[in-house]
Amino acid sequence: MIRYTLSCDKDHQFESWFQSSNAFDALALGGHLACAICGSAAVTRAMMSPSVPTKSNAVDLKMPTSESEKALTRMRTDVENNSDYVGPSFADEARKMHDGDAPERAIWGEANFRDAKKLIEDGIPVAPLPFMPKRKTN
């Protein structure tokens, strides 16, 4: 894995991980990259200096470092503390609440593209979250 600092045509900088330099090139050439801040598709690698981790400067990937990462961490905490996780039954639960067959409450979970699109087409308000559920560890 390789971490690149990326830049868009609006001078936003952000970081992303790629499997390899070739993987980055393939995604960029295919138009599959977008600015994490404004959504611009004009994304390039920014100038970077090599980073060699030592015990004194090792990065803890679990700790947010940028303001964007801190905001996403706050959002995740807020969602997890103030709503019910319903997992893969999200679409069914959202539909039940919309139809009056279940009490309304804040929920979050997973839905495939087809189910999410159908909810939106049926006027059921949903929005994607910019994070995945935490994996349970034993």
C-alpha atoms as a PDB file:
ATOM      1  CA  MET A   1       0.000   0.000   0.000  1.00  0.00           C
ATOM      2  CA  ILE A   2       1.110   3.532  -0.732  1.00  0.00           C
ATOM      3  CA  ARG A   3      -0.267   6.809   0.606  1.00  0.00           C
ATOM      4  CA  TYR A   4      -0.348   9.764  -1.743  1.00  0.00           C
ATOM      5  CA  THR A   5      -1.073  13.376  -1.047  1.00  0.00           C
ATOM      6  CA  LEU A   6      -3.463  14.434  -3.800  1.00  0.00           C
ATOM      7  CA  SER A   7      -4.459  17.850  -5.086  1.00  0.00           C
ATOM      8  CA  CYS A   8      -7.381  19.012  -7.205  1.00  0.00           C
ATOM      9  CA  ASP A   9      -7.662  21.906  -9.638  1.00  0.00           C
ATOM     10  CA  LYS A  10      -9.196  24.025  -6.834  1.00  0.00           C
ATOM     11  CA  ASP A  11      -6.003  23.582  -4.719  1.00  0.00           C
ATOM     12  CA  HIS A  12      -7.606  21.282  -2.146  1.00  0.00           C
ATOM     13  CA  GLN A  13      -5.169  18.741  -0.711  1.00  0.00           C
ATOM     14  CA  PHE A  14      -6.120  15.393   0.777  1.00  0.00           C
ATOM     15  CA  GLU A  15      -4.599  11.954   1.220  1.00  0.00           C
ATOM     16  CA  SER A  16      -5.599   8.549  -0.065  1.00  0.00           C
ATOM     17  CA  TRP A  17      -4.166   5.034  -0.035  1.00  0.00           C
ATOM     18  CA  PHE A  18      -3.566   2.993  -3.193  1.00  0.00           C
ATOM     19  CA  GLN A  19      -2.464  -0.571  -3.774  1.00  0.00           C
ATOM     20  CA  SER A  20       0.430   0.654  -5.938  1.00  0.00           C
ATOM     21  CA  SER A  21       1.593   3.487  -8.153  1.00  0.00           C
ATOM     22  CA  ASN A  22       0.142   1.599 -11.128  1.00  0.00           C
ATOM     23  CA  ALA A  23      -3.212   1.330  -9.335  1.00  0.00           C
ATOM     24  CA  PHE A  24      -3.262   5.116  -8.849  1.00  0.00           C
ATOM     25  CA  ASP A  25      -2.386   5.663 -12.524  1.00  0.00           C
ATOM     26  CA  ALA A  26      -5.136   3.288 -13.691  1.00  0.00           C
ATOM     27  CA  LEU A  27      -7.766   4.989 -11.525  1.00  0.00           C
ATOM     28  CA  ALA A  28      -6.645   8.452 -12.613  1.00  0.00           C
ATOM     29  CA  LEU A  29      -6.629   7.563 -16.321  1.00  0.00           C
ATOM     30  CA  GLY A  30     -10.063   5.950 -15.973  1.00  0.00           C
ATOM     31  CA  GLY A  31     -11.524   9.091 -14.393  1.00  0.00           C
ATOM     32  CA  HIS A  32     -12.281   7.277 -11.147  1.00  0.00           C
ATOM     33  CA  LEU A  33     -10.723   9.806  -8.758  1.00  0.00           C
ATOM     34  CA  ALA A  34     -12.455  12.811  -7.216  1.00  0.00           C
ATOM     35  CA  CYS A  35     -11.494  15.465  -4.704  1.00  0.00           C
ATOM     36  CA  ALA A  36     -12.562  14.453  -1.201  1.00  0.00           C
ATOM     37  CA  ILE A  37     -13.480  18.067  -0.460  1.00  0.00           C
ATOM     38  CA  CYS A  38     -15.204  19.480  -3.567  1.00  0.00           C
ATOM     39  CA  GLY A  39     -15.715  16.461  -5.835  1.00  0.00           C
ATOM     40  CA  SER A  40     -13.599  17.791  -8.717  1.00  0.00           C
ATOM     41  CA  ALA A  41     -12.410  15.029 -11.051  1.00  0.00           C
ATOM     42  CA  ALA A  42      -9.184  16.930 -11.884  1.00  0.00           C
ATOM     43  CA  VAL A  43      -7.003  15.160  -9.306  1.00  0.00           C
ATOM     44  CA  THR A  44      -3.221  14.765  -9.428  1.00  0.00           C
ATOM     45  CA  ARG A  45      -0.492  13.647  -7.063  1.00  0.00           C
ATOM     46  CA  ALA A  46       0.900  16.544  -5.062  1.00  0.00           C
ATOM     47  CA  MET A  47       4.594  16.978  -4.333  1.00  0.00           C
ATOM     48  CA  MET A  48       5.572  14.768  -1.421  1.00  0.00           C
ATOM     49  CA  SER A  49       8.678  13.934   0.483  1.00  0.00           C
ATOM     50  CA  PRO A  50       9.301  10.319   1.407  1.00  0.00           C
ATOM     51  CA  SER A  51       8.134   9.285   4.840  1.00  0.00           C
ATOM     52  CA  VAL A  52      10.103   6.652   6.700  1.00  0.00           C
ATOM     53  CA  PRO A  53       8.410   5.660   9.949  1.00  0.00           C
ATOM     54  CA  THR A  54      10.499   5.314  13.066  1.00  0.00           C
ATOM     55  CA  LYS A  55       9.388   4.563  16.592  1.00  0.00           C
ATOM     56  CA  SER A  56       9.350   8.280  17.365  1.00  0.00           C
ATOM     57  CA  ASN A  57       7.274   9.350  14.331  1.00  0.00           C
ATOM     58  CA  ALA A  58       5.159   6.257  13.651  1.00  0.00           C
ATOM     59  CA  VAL A  59       1.637   7.179  12.557  1.00  0.00           C
ATOM     60  CA  ASP A  60      -1.345   5.732  14.398  1.00  0.00           C
ATOM     61  CA  LEU A  61      -3.801   5.165  11.550  1.00  0.00           C
ATOM     62  CA  LYS A  62      -6.667   4.937  14.036  1.00  0.00           C
ATOM     63  CA  MET A  63      -6.239   8.563  15.109  1.00  0.00           C
ATOM     64  CA  PRO A  64      -7.661  11.323  12.879  1.00  0.00           C
ATOM     65  CA  THR A  65      -5.030  13.838  11.829  1.00  0.00           C
ATOM     66  CA  SER A  66      -6.667  16.336   9.464  1.00  0.00           C
ATOM     67  CA  GLU A  67      -9.683  18.525  10.163  1.00  0.00           C
ATOM     68  CA  SER A  68     -11.686  16.460   7.645  1.00  0.00           C
ATOM     69  CA  GLU A  69     -10.814  13.223   9.447  1.00  0.00           C
ATOM     70  CA  LYS A  70     -11.721  14.791  12.793  1.00  0.00           C
ATOM     71  CA  ALA A  71     -15.084  15.956  11.400  1.00  0.00           C
ATOM     72  CA  LEU A  72     -15.809  12.465  10.037  1.00  0.00           C
ATOM     73  CA  THR A  73     -14.894  10.954  13.411  1.00  0.00           C
ATOM     74  CA  ARG A  74     -17.310  13.340  15.162  1.00  0.00           C
ATOM     75  CA  MET A  75     -20.033  12.474  12.614  1.00  0.00           C
ATOM     76  CA  ARG A  76     -19.503   8.751  13.107  1.00  0.00           C
ATOM     77  CA  THR A  77     -19.664   9.101  16.892  1.00  0.00           C
ATOM     78  CA  ASP A  78     -22.844  11.179  16.636  1.00  0.00           C
ATOM     79  CA  VAL A  79     -24.509   8.652  14.302  1.00  0.00           C
ATOM     80  CA  GLU A  80     -23.491   5.680  16.452  1.00  0.00           C
ATOM     81  CA  ASN A  81     -24.635   7.336  19.705  1.00  0.00           C
ATOM     82  CA  ASN A  82     -27.931   8.747  18.428  1.00  0.00           C
ATOM     83  CA  SER A  83     -29.344   6.111  16.084  1.00  0.00           C
ATOM     84  CA  ASP A  84     -29.959   2.388  15.859  1.00  0.00           C
ATOM     85  CA  TYR A  85     -27.714   0.242  13.693  1.00  0.00           C
ATOM     86  CA  VAL A  86     -29.966  -2.124  11.709  1.00  0.00           C
ATOM     87  CA  GLY A  87     -27.281  -3.656   9.497  1.00  0.00           C
ATOM     88  CA  PRO A  88     -28.323  -5.175   6.180  1.00  0.00           C
ATOM     89  CA  SER A  89     -32.030  -4.780   7.000  1.00  0.00           C
ATOM     90  CA  PHE A  90     -31.783  -0.990   6.544  1.00  0.00           C
ATOM     91  CA  ALA A  91     -34.022  -0.826   3.453  1.00  0.00           C
ATOM     92  CA  ASP A  92     -36.731  -2.977   5.074  1.00  0.00           C
ATOM     93  CA  GLU A  93     -36.655  -0.962   8.310  1.00  0.00           C
ATOM     94  CA  ALA A  94     -36.759   2.392   6.470  1.00  0.00           C
ATOM     95  CA  ARG A  95     -39.718   1.211   4.377  1.00  0.00           C
ATOM     96  CA  LYS A  96     -41.600  -0.061   7.478  1.00  0.00           C
ATOM     97  CA  MET A  97     -41.158   3.305   9.209  1.00  0.00           C
ATOM     98  CA  HIS A  98     -42.233   5.196   6.084  1.00  0.00           C
ATOM     99  CA  ASP A  99     -45.352   2.998   5.711  1.00  0.00           C
ATOM    100  CA  GLY A 100     -46.249   3.392   9.406  1.00  0.00           C
ATOM    101  CA  ASP A 101     -45.611  -0.274  10.204  1.00  0.00           C
ATOM    102  CA  ALA A 102     -42.786   0.561  12.637  1.00  0.00           C
ATOM    103  CA  PRO A 103     -42.180   3.511  14.970  1.00  0.00           C
ATOM    104  CA  GLU A 104     -40.059   6.283  13.485  1.00  0.00           C
ATOM    105  CA  ARG A 105     -36.529   6.494  14.817  1.00  0.00           C
ATOM    106  CA  ALA A 106     -33.066   7.352  13.553  1.00  0.00           C
ATOM    107  CA  ILE A 107     -31.480   4.297  11.923  1.00  0.00           C
ATOM    108  CA  TRP A 108     -28.396   3.462   9.901  1.00  0.00           C
ATOM    109  CA  GLY A 109     -27.117   0.364   8.178  1.00  0.00           C
ATOM    110  CA  GLU A 110     -26.351  -1.059   4.758  1.00  0.00           C
ATOM    111  CA  ALA A 111     -28.382  -1.187   1.565  1.00  0.00           C
ATOM    112  CA  ASN A 112     -27.368  -2.274  -1.898  1.00  0.00           C
ATOM    113  CA  PHE A 113     -27.593   0.222  -4.743  1.00  0.00           C
ATOM    114  CA  ARG A 114     -30.863  -1.190  -6.115  1.00  0.00           C
ATOM    115  CA  ASP A 115     -32.634  -1.050  -2.729  1.00  0.00           C
ATOM    116  CA  ALA A 116     -31.338   2.454  -1.936  1.00  0.00           C
ATOM    117  CA  LYS A 117     -32.447   3.719  -5.350  1.00  0.00           C
ATOM    118  CA  LYS A 118     -35.922   2.210  -4.845  1.00  0.00           C
ATOM    119  CA  LEU A 119     -36.236   3.920  -1.431  1.00  0.00           C
ATOM    120  CA  ILE A 120     -35.371   7.282  -2.992  1.00  0.00           C
ATOM    121  CA  GLU A 121     -37.766   6.725  -5.914  1.00  0.00           C
ATOM    122  CA  ASP A 122     -40.527   5.945  -3.404  1.00  0.00           C
ATOM    123  CA  GLY A 123     -39.893   9.225  -1.561  1.00  0.00           C
ATOM    124  CA  ILE A 124     -38.224   7.651   1.463  1.00  0.00           C
ATOM    125  CA  PRO A 125     -35.415   9.966   2.607  1.00  0.00           C
ATOM    126  CA  VAL A 126     -32.028   8.229   2.800  1.00  0.00           C
ATOM    127  CA  ALA A 127     -28.444   9.429   2.508  1.00  0.00           C
ATOM    128  CA  PRO A 128     -25.128   7.610   2.176  1.00  0.00           C
ATOM    129  CA  LEU A 129     -22.728   7.841   5.093  1.00  0.00           C
ATOM    130  CA  PRO A 130     -19.020   8.395   4.451  1.00  0.00           C
ATOM    131  CA  PHE A 131     -17.948   5.467   6.622  1.00  0.00           C
ATOM    132  CA  MET A 132     -18.479   1.744   7.054  1.00  0.00           C
ATOM    133  CA  PRO A 133     -19.686   0.084  10.248  1.00  0.00           C
ATOM    134  CA  LYS A 134     -16.923  -0.831  12.662  1.00  0.00           C
ATOM    135  CA  ARG A 135     -15.908  -4.448  12.393  1.00  0.00           C
ATOM    136  CA  LYS A 136     -16.459  -6.465  15.508  1.00  0.00           C
ATOM    137  CA  THR A 137     -13.322  -8.105  16.819  1.00  0.00           C
ATOM    138  CA  ASN A 138     -13.163 -11.057  19.160  1.00  0.00           C
END
